[in-house]
N, C-alpha and C. Protein backbone atom coordinates (compact mmCIF):
# COMPACT_ATOMS: atom_id res chain seq x y z
N ARG A 1 108.18 59.64 86.74
CA ARG A 1 108.53 59.38 85.34
C ARG A 1 107.46 58.46 84.74
N GLY A 2 106.92 58.84 83.53
CA GLY A 2 105.83 58.09 82.90
C GLY A 2 106.36 56.92 82.08
N CYS A 3 105.45 56.19 81.54
CA CYS A 3 105.77 55.04 80.69
C CYS A 3 106.43 55.52 79.40
N CYS A 4 107.44 54.78 78.93
CA CYS A 4 108.17 55.19 77.74
C CYS A 4 107.33 55.05 76.47
N CYS A 5 106.25 54.28 76.50
CA CYS A 5 105.45 54.10 75.29
C CYS A 5 104.21 54.99 75.30
N ALA A 6 104.08 55.89 76.25
CA ALA A 6 102.90 56.75 76.33
C ALA A 6 102.76 57.60 75.08
N ALA A 7 103.88 58.00 74.47
CA ALA A 7 103.81 58.83 73.27
C ALA A 7 103.25 58.07 72.08
N ARG A 8 103.31 56.75 72.10
CA ARG A 8 102.82 55.95 70.98
C ARG A 8 101.41 55.47 71.18
N MET A 9 100.85 55.63 72.34
CA MET A 9 99.50 55.16 72.62
C MET A 9 98.49 56.13 72.03
N PRO A 10 97.35 55.62 71.50
CA PRO A 10 96.33 56.52 70.98
C PRO A 10 95.93 57.52 72.05
N GLY A 11 95.85 58.77 71.66
CA GLY A 11 95.48 59.82 72.60
C GLY A 11 96.65 60.31 73.43
N GLY A 12 97.84 59.67 73.25
CA GLY A 12 99.04 60.09 73.98
C GLY A 12 99.57 61.38 73.39
N PRO A 13 100.68 61.90 73.91
CA PRO A 13 101.21 63.18 73.46
C PRO A 13 101.50 63.25 71.96
N ALA A 14 101.87 62.14 71.31
CA ALA A 14 102.22 62.18 69.90
C ALA A 14 100.99 62.11 69.00
N SER A 15 99.83 61.75 69.53
CA SER A 15 98.62 61.62 68.74
C SER A 15 97.66 62.74 69.08
N PRO A 16 96.94 63.27 68.07
CA PRO A 16 95.93 64.26 68.39
C PRO A 16 94.80 63.59 69.16
N PRO A 17 94.11 64.33 70.01
CA PRO A 17 93.00 63.73 70.72
C PRO A 17 91.96 63.21 69.73
N LEU A 18 91.23 62.17 70.11
CA LEU A 18 90.25 61.57 69.21
C LEU A 18 89.26 62.60 68.70
N SER A 19 88.87 63.54 69.52
CA SER A 19 87.90 64.55 69.09
C SER A 19 88.46 65.46 68.01
N ALA A 20 89.79 65.58 67.89
CA ALA A 20 90.41 66.44 66.89
C ALA A 20 90.65 65.72 65.58
N ARG A 21 90.52 64.41 65.54
CA ARG A 21 90.73 63.66 64.30
C ARG A 21 89.55 63.86 63.36
N THR A 22 89.86 63.95 62.11
CA THR A 22 88.81 64.16 61.12
C THR A 22 88.30 62.81 60.62
N ALA A 23 87.15 62.82 59.98
CA ALA A 23 86.59 61.60 59.40
C ALA A 23 87.55 61.02 58.37
N GLU A 24 88.28 61.89 57.65
CA GLU A 24 89.23 61.43 56.65
C GLU A 24 90.35 60.61 57.27
N GLN A 25 90.80 61.00 58.47
CA GLN A 25 91.84 60.25 59.15
C GLN A 25 91.32 58.91 59.64
N GLU A 26 90.05 58.84 59.97
CA GLU A 26 89.47 57.62 60.51
C GLU A 26 89.17 56.59 59.42
N GLN A 27 88.83 57.04 58.19
CA GLN A 27 88.44 56.15 57.12
C GLN A 27 89.60 55.94 56.16
N PRO A 28 89.91 54.68 55.82
CA PRO A 28 90.97 54.44 54.84
C PRO A 28 90.51 54.96 53.47
N LEU A 29 91.46 55.44 52.67
CA LEU A 29 91.13 55.90 51.33
C LEU A 29 90.80 54.71 50.45
N ARG A 30 89.76 54.84 49.66
CA ARG A 30 89.35 53.76 48.77
C ARG A 30 89.48 54.21 47.33
N THR A 31 90.04 53.34 46.51
CA THR A 31 90.14 53.59 45.09
C THR A 31 88.83 53.14 44.47
N PRO A 32 88.23 53.96 43.60
CA PRO A 32 87.00 53.53 42.95
C PRO A 32 87.23 52.23 42.19
N THR A 33 86.25 51.37 42.20
CA THR A 33 86.35 50.10 41.51
C THR A 33 85.41 50.08 40.32
N LEU A 34 85.95 49.76 39.17
CA LEU A 34 85.18 49.68 37.93
C LEU A 34 84.85 48.22 37.67
N MET A 35 83.56 47.89 37.60
CA MET A 35 83.12 46.54 37.26
C MET A 35 82.63 46.57 35.82
N VAL A 36 83.17 45.66 35.00
CA VAL A 36 82.76 45.58 33.60
C VAL A 36 82.24 44.17 33.35
N PHE A 37 81.11 44.08 32.64
CA PHE A 37 80.52 42.79 32.30
C PHE A 37 80.88 42.48 30.85
N VAL A 38 81.67 41.42 30.68
CA VAL A 38 82.22 41.08 29.37
C VAL A 38 81.48 39.87 28.82
N HIS A 39 80.89 40.03 27.64
CA HIS A 39 80.17 38.95 26.97
C HIS A 39 81.13 38.21 26.06
N VAL A 40 81.28 36.91 26.31
CA VAL A 40 82.11 36.05 25.47
C VAL A 40 81.23 34.88 25.06
N ARG A 41 80.88 34.86 23.79
CA ARG A 41 79.90 33.89 23.27
C ARG A 41 78.62 33.99 24.07
N GLN A 42 78.16 32.93 24.71
CA GLN A 42 76.90 33.00 25.45
C GLN A 42 77.09 33.26 26.94
N LYS A 43 78.29 33.56 27.36
CA LYS A 43 78.56 33.79 28.78
C LYS A 43 78.79 35.27 29.05
N VAL A 44 78.43 35.69 30.27
CA VAL A 44 78.72 37.05 30.73
C VAL A 44 79.68 36.92 31.90
N ILE A 45 80.85 37.51 31.77
CA ILE A 45 81.91 37.41 32.77
C ILE A 45 82.07 38.76 33.47
N PRO A 46 81.77 38.82 34.77
CA PRO A 46 82.02 40.07 35.50
C PRO A 46 83.51 40.19 35.80
N VAL A 47 84.10 41.35 35.49
CA VAL A 47 85.53 41.56 35.73
C VAL A 47 85.68 42.85 36.53
N SER A 48 86.22 42.71 37.73
CA SER A 48 86.53 43.88 38.56
C SER A 48 87.90 44.39 38.14
N THR A 49 87.96 45.67 37.78
CA THR A 49 89.19 46.20 37.19
C THR A 49 89.87 47.27 38.04
N GLY A 50 89.45 47.42 39.28
CA GLY A 50 90.05 48.46 40.11
C GLY A 50 89.76 49.83 39.52
N ALA A 51 90.78 50.63 39.34
CA ALA A 51 90.60 52.00 38.82
C ALA A 51 90.44 52.03 37.30
N GLY A 52 90.62 50.91 36.63
CA GLY A 52 90.43 50.87 35.18
C GLY A 52 91.64 51.28 34.37
N SER A 53 92.83 51.11 34.93
CA SER A 53 94.05 51.51 34.22
C SER A 53 94.54 50.43 33.25
N GLN A 54 93.96 49.24 33.30
CA GLN A 54 94.38 48.17 32.39
C GLN A 54 93.87 48.46 30.98
N SER A 55 94.45 47.76 30.01
CA SER A 55 94.04 47.97 28.62
C SER A 55 92.76 47.19 28.30
N VAL A 56 92.11 47.62 27.23
CA VAL A 56 90.91 46.91 26.74
C VAL A 56 91.31 45.49 26.35
N GLU A 57 92.49 45.33 25.77
CA GLU A 57 92.97 43.99 25.39
C GLU A 57 93.12 43.10 26.63
N TRP A 58 93.64 43.65 27.73
CA TRP A 58 93.75 42.89 28.98
C TRP A 58 92.38 42.41 29.43
N LEU A 59 91.38 43.28 29.37
CA LEU A 59 90.02 42.91 29.77
C LEU A 59 89.52 41.73 28.94
N ALA A 60 89.76 41.77 27.64
CA ALA A 60 89.34 40.67 26.78
C ALA A 60 90.06 39.37 27.13
N HIS A 61 91.38 39.46 27.38
CA HIS A 61 92.15 38.26 27.75
C HIS A 61 91.62 37.64 29.04
N VAL A 62 91.34 38.48 30.03
CA VAL A 62 90.84 37.98 31.33
C VAL A 62 89.51 37.28 31.14
N ALA A 63 88.60 37.90 30.41
CA ALA A 63 87.27 37.31 30.21
C ALA A 63 87.36 36.00 29.45
N ILE A 64 88.18 35.96 28.41
CA ILE A 64 88.34 34.72 27.63
C ILE A 64 88.92 33.62 28.51
N ALA A 65 89.93 33.94 29.29
CA ALA A 65 90.55 32.93 30.16
C ALA A 65 89.57 32.41 31.20
N ARG A 66 88.69 33.27 31.70
CA ARG A 66 87.73 32.84 32.73
C ARG A 66 86.60 31.98 32.17
N CYS A 67 86.28 32.13 30.90
CA CYS A 67 85.17 31.33 30.37
C CYS A 67 85.64 30.12 29.58
N ASP A 68 86.92 30.03 29.31
CA ASP A 68 87.49 28.94 28.54
C ASP A 68 88.14 27.94 29.49
N MET A 69 87.73 26.69 29.42
CA MET A 69 88.26 25.66 30.31
C MET A 69 89.77 25.48 30.12
N GLU A 70 90.30 25.92 28.99
CA GLU A 70 91.73 25.78 28.72
C GLU A 70 92.47 27.11 28.87
N GLN A 71 91.95 28.00 29.72
CA GLN A 71 92.58 29.30 30.02
C GLN A 71 92.79 30.16 28.78
N GLY A 72 91.87 30.10 27.83
CA GLY A 72 91.96 30.93 26.64
C GLY A 72 92.55 30.24 25.43
N ARG A 73 93.14 29.08 25.61
CA ARG A 73 93.78 28.40 24.48
C ARG A 73 92.76 27.89 23.47
N ALA A 74 91.59 27.48 23.93
CA ALA A 74 90.58 26.93 23.02
C ALA A 74 89.88 28.04 22.23
N LEU A 75 89.61 29.16 22.86
CA LEU A 75 88.89 30.25 22.19
C LEU A 75 89.80 31.17 21.40
N GLY A 76 91.05 31.25 21.75
CA GLY A 76 91.98 32.13 21.06
C GLY A 76 91.96 33.54 21.61
N THR A 77 92.45 34.48 20.81
CA THR A 77 92.54 35.87 21.27
C THR A 77 91.40 36.70 20.66
N ALA A 78 91.17 37.83 21.27
CA ALA A 78 90.10 38.72 20.80
C ALA A 78 90.53 39.45 19.53
N LYS A 79 89.62 39.50 18.58
CA LYS A 79 89.85 40.31 17.38
C LYS A 79 89.40 41.74 17.64
N ALA A 80 88.40 41.89 18.51
CA ALA A 80 87.87 43.22 18.83
C ALA A 80 87.06 43.14 20.11
N VAL A 81 86.81 44.31 20.69
CA VAL A 81 85.89 44.46 21.81
C VAL A 81 84.93 45.58 21.42
N LYS A 82 83.63 45.28 21.52
CA LYS A 82 82.61 46.23 21.07
C LYS A 82 81.71 46.66 22.21
N LEU A 83 81.17 47.86 22.03
CA LEU A 83 80.14 48.36 22.94
C LEU A 83 78.78 47.89 22.46
N GLU A 84 77.76 48.15 23.24
CA GLU A 84 76.40 47.72 22.91
C GLU A 84 75.94 48.29 21.57
N ASP A 85 76.38 49.51 21.25
CA ASP A 85 75.96 50.13 19.98
C ASP A 85 76.79 49.66 18.78
N GLY A 86 77.74 48.72 19.01
CA GLY A 86 78.53 48.16 17.93
C GLY A 86 79.87 48.83 17.69
N ARG A 87 80.11 49.96 18.36
CA ARG A 87 81.40 50.64 18.18
C ARG A 87 82.53 49.78 18.75
N LYS A 88 83.64 49.71 18.00
CA LYS A 88 84.82 48.97 18.46
C LYS A 88 85.66 49.87 19.35
N LEU A 89 86.23 49.26 20.40
CA LEU A 89 87.13 49.97 21.30
C LEU A 89 88.57 49.73 20.85
N ASP A 90 89.42 50.71 21.07
CA ASP A 90 90.85 50.58 20.78
C ASP A 90 91.44 49.64 21.83
N LEU A 91 91.98 48.51 21.38
CA LEU A 91 92.51 47.50 22.31
C LEU A 91 93.68 48.01 23.14
N ASP A 92 94.38 49.02 22.66
CA ASP A 92 95.55 49.54 23.36
C ASP A 92 95.22 50.60 24.41
N LYS A 93 94.01 51.13 24.38
CA LYS A 93 93.64 52.18 25.35
C LYS A 93 93.32 51.57 26.70
N SER A 94 93.51 52.38 27.74
CA SER A 94 93.08 51.92 29.07
C SER A 94 91.57 51.92 29.10
N LEU A 95 91.00 51.18 30.03
CA LEU A 95 89.55 51.09 30.14
C LEU A 95 88.93 52.46 30.36
N VAL A 96 89.56 53.25 31.21
CA VAL A 96 89.05 54.59 31.49
C VAL A 96 89.16 55.48 30.25
N ASP A 97 90.32 55.44 29.57
CA ASP A 97 90.51 56.26 28.37
C ASP A 97 89.58 55.83 27.23
N ALA A 98 89.19 54.56 27.23
CA ALA A 98 88.24 54.08 26.22
C ALA A 98 86.81 54.51 26.54
N GLY A 99 86.62 55.08 27.72
CA GLY A 99 85.30 55.60 28.09
C GLY A 99 84.41 54.63 28.82
N LEU A 100 84.96 53.50 29.27
CA LEU A 100 84.13 52.54 29.99
C LEU A 100 83.75 53.08 31.36
N THR A 101 82.55 52.75 31.77
CA THR A 101 82.05 53.19 33.07
C THR A 101 81.65 51.98 33.90
N ASP A 102 81.42 52.21 35.18
CA ASP A 102 81.06 51.13 36.10
C ASP A 102 79.79 50.43 35.64
N ASN A 103 79.80 49.10 35.70
CA ASN A 103 78.66 48.24 35.34
C ASN A 103 78.32 48.24 33.86
N GLN A 104 79.26 48.64 33.02
CA GLN A 104 79.03 48.65 31.57
C GLN A 104 79.24 47.25 30.99
N HIS A 105 78.53 46.95 29.91
CA HIS A 105 78.65 45.68 29.21
C HIS A 105 79.43 45.90 27.92
N VAL A 106 80.34 44.95 27.61
CA VAL A 106 81.08 44.95 26.36
C VAL A 106 81.06 43.54 25.78
N TRP A 107 81.30 43.43 24.47
CA TRP A 107 81.26 42.15 23.79
C TRP A 107 82.60 41.88 23.13
N VAL A 108 83.13 40.67 23.35
CA VAL A 108 84.40 40.25 22.73
C VAL A 108 84.09 39.56 21.41
N VAL A 109 84.79 39.99 20.37
CA VAL A 109 84.68 39.37 19.05
C VAL A 109 85.88 38.44 18.90
N LEU A 110 85.58 37.14 18.69
CA LEU A 110 86.65 36.14 18.57
C LEU A 110 86.94 35.82 17.11
């Protein structure tokens, strides 16, 4: 009679042999990470946003809070967020829906 935990050991009866495992099974799935560089006055704040499902307004709040010694209370809230070409982004849209891409720069209007 074999060990009762043999079925749970790697390569045991319950697991496929290592040679049969695919690279996908070996590597954890990674969610793409969107990095946005937010300009607030004379500072540039890098903000990692994960998949970019947060709103443009959230991005502005995070950047303001990170550059303001009073967590955003001194600078106030964003009136707008603009792209390099001056176009305003819809504050209610998600970062992805607003068209932001990895390593893009945006400017907060206070």
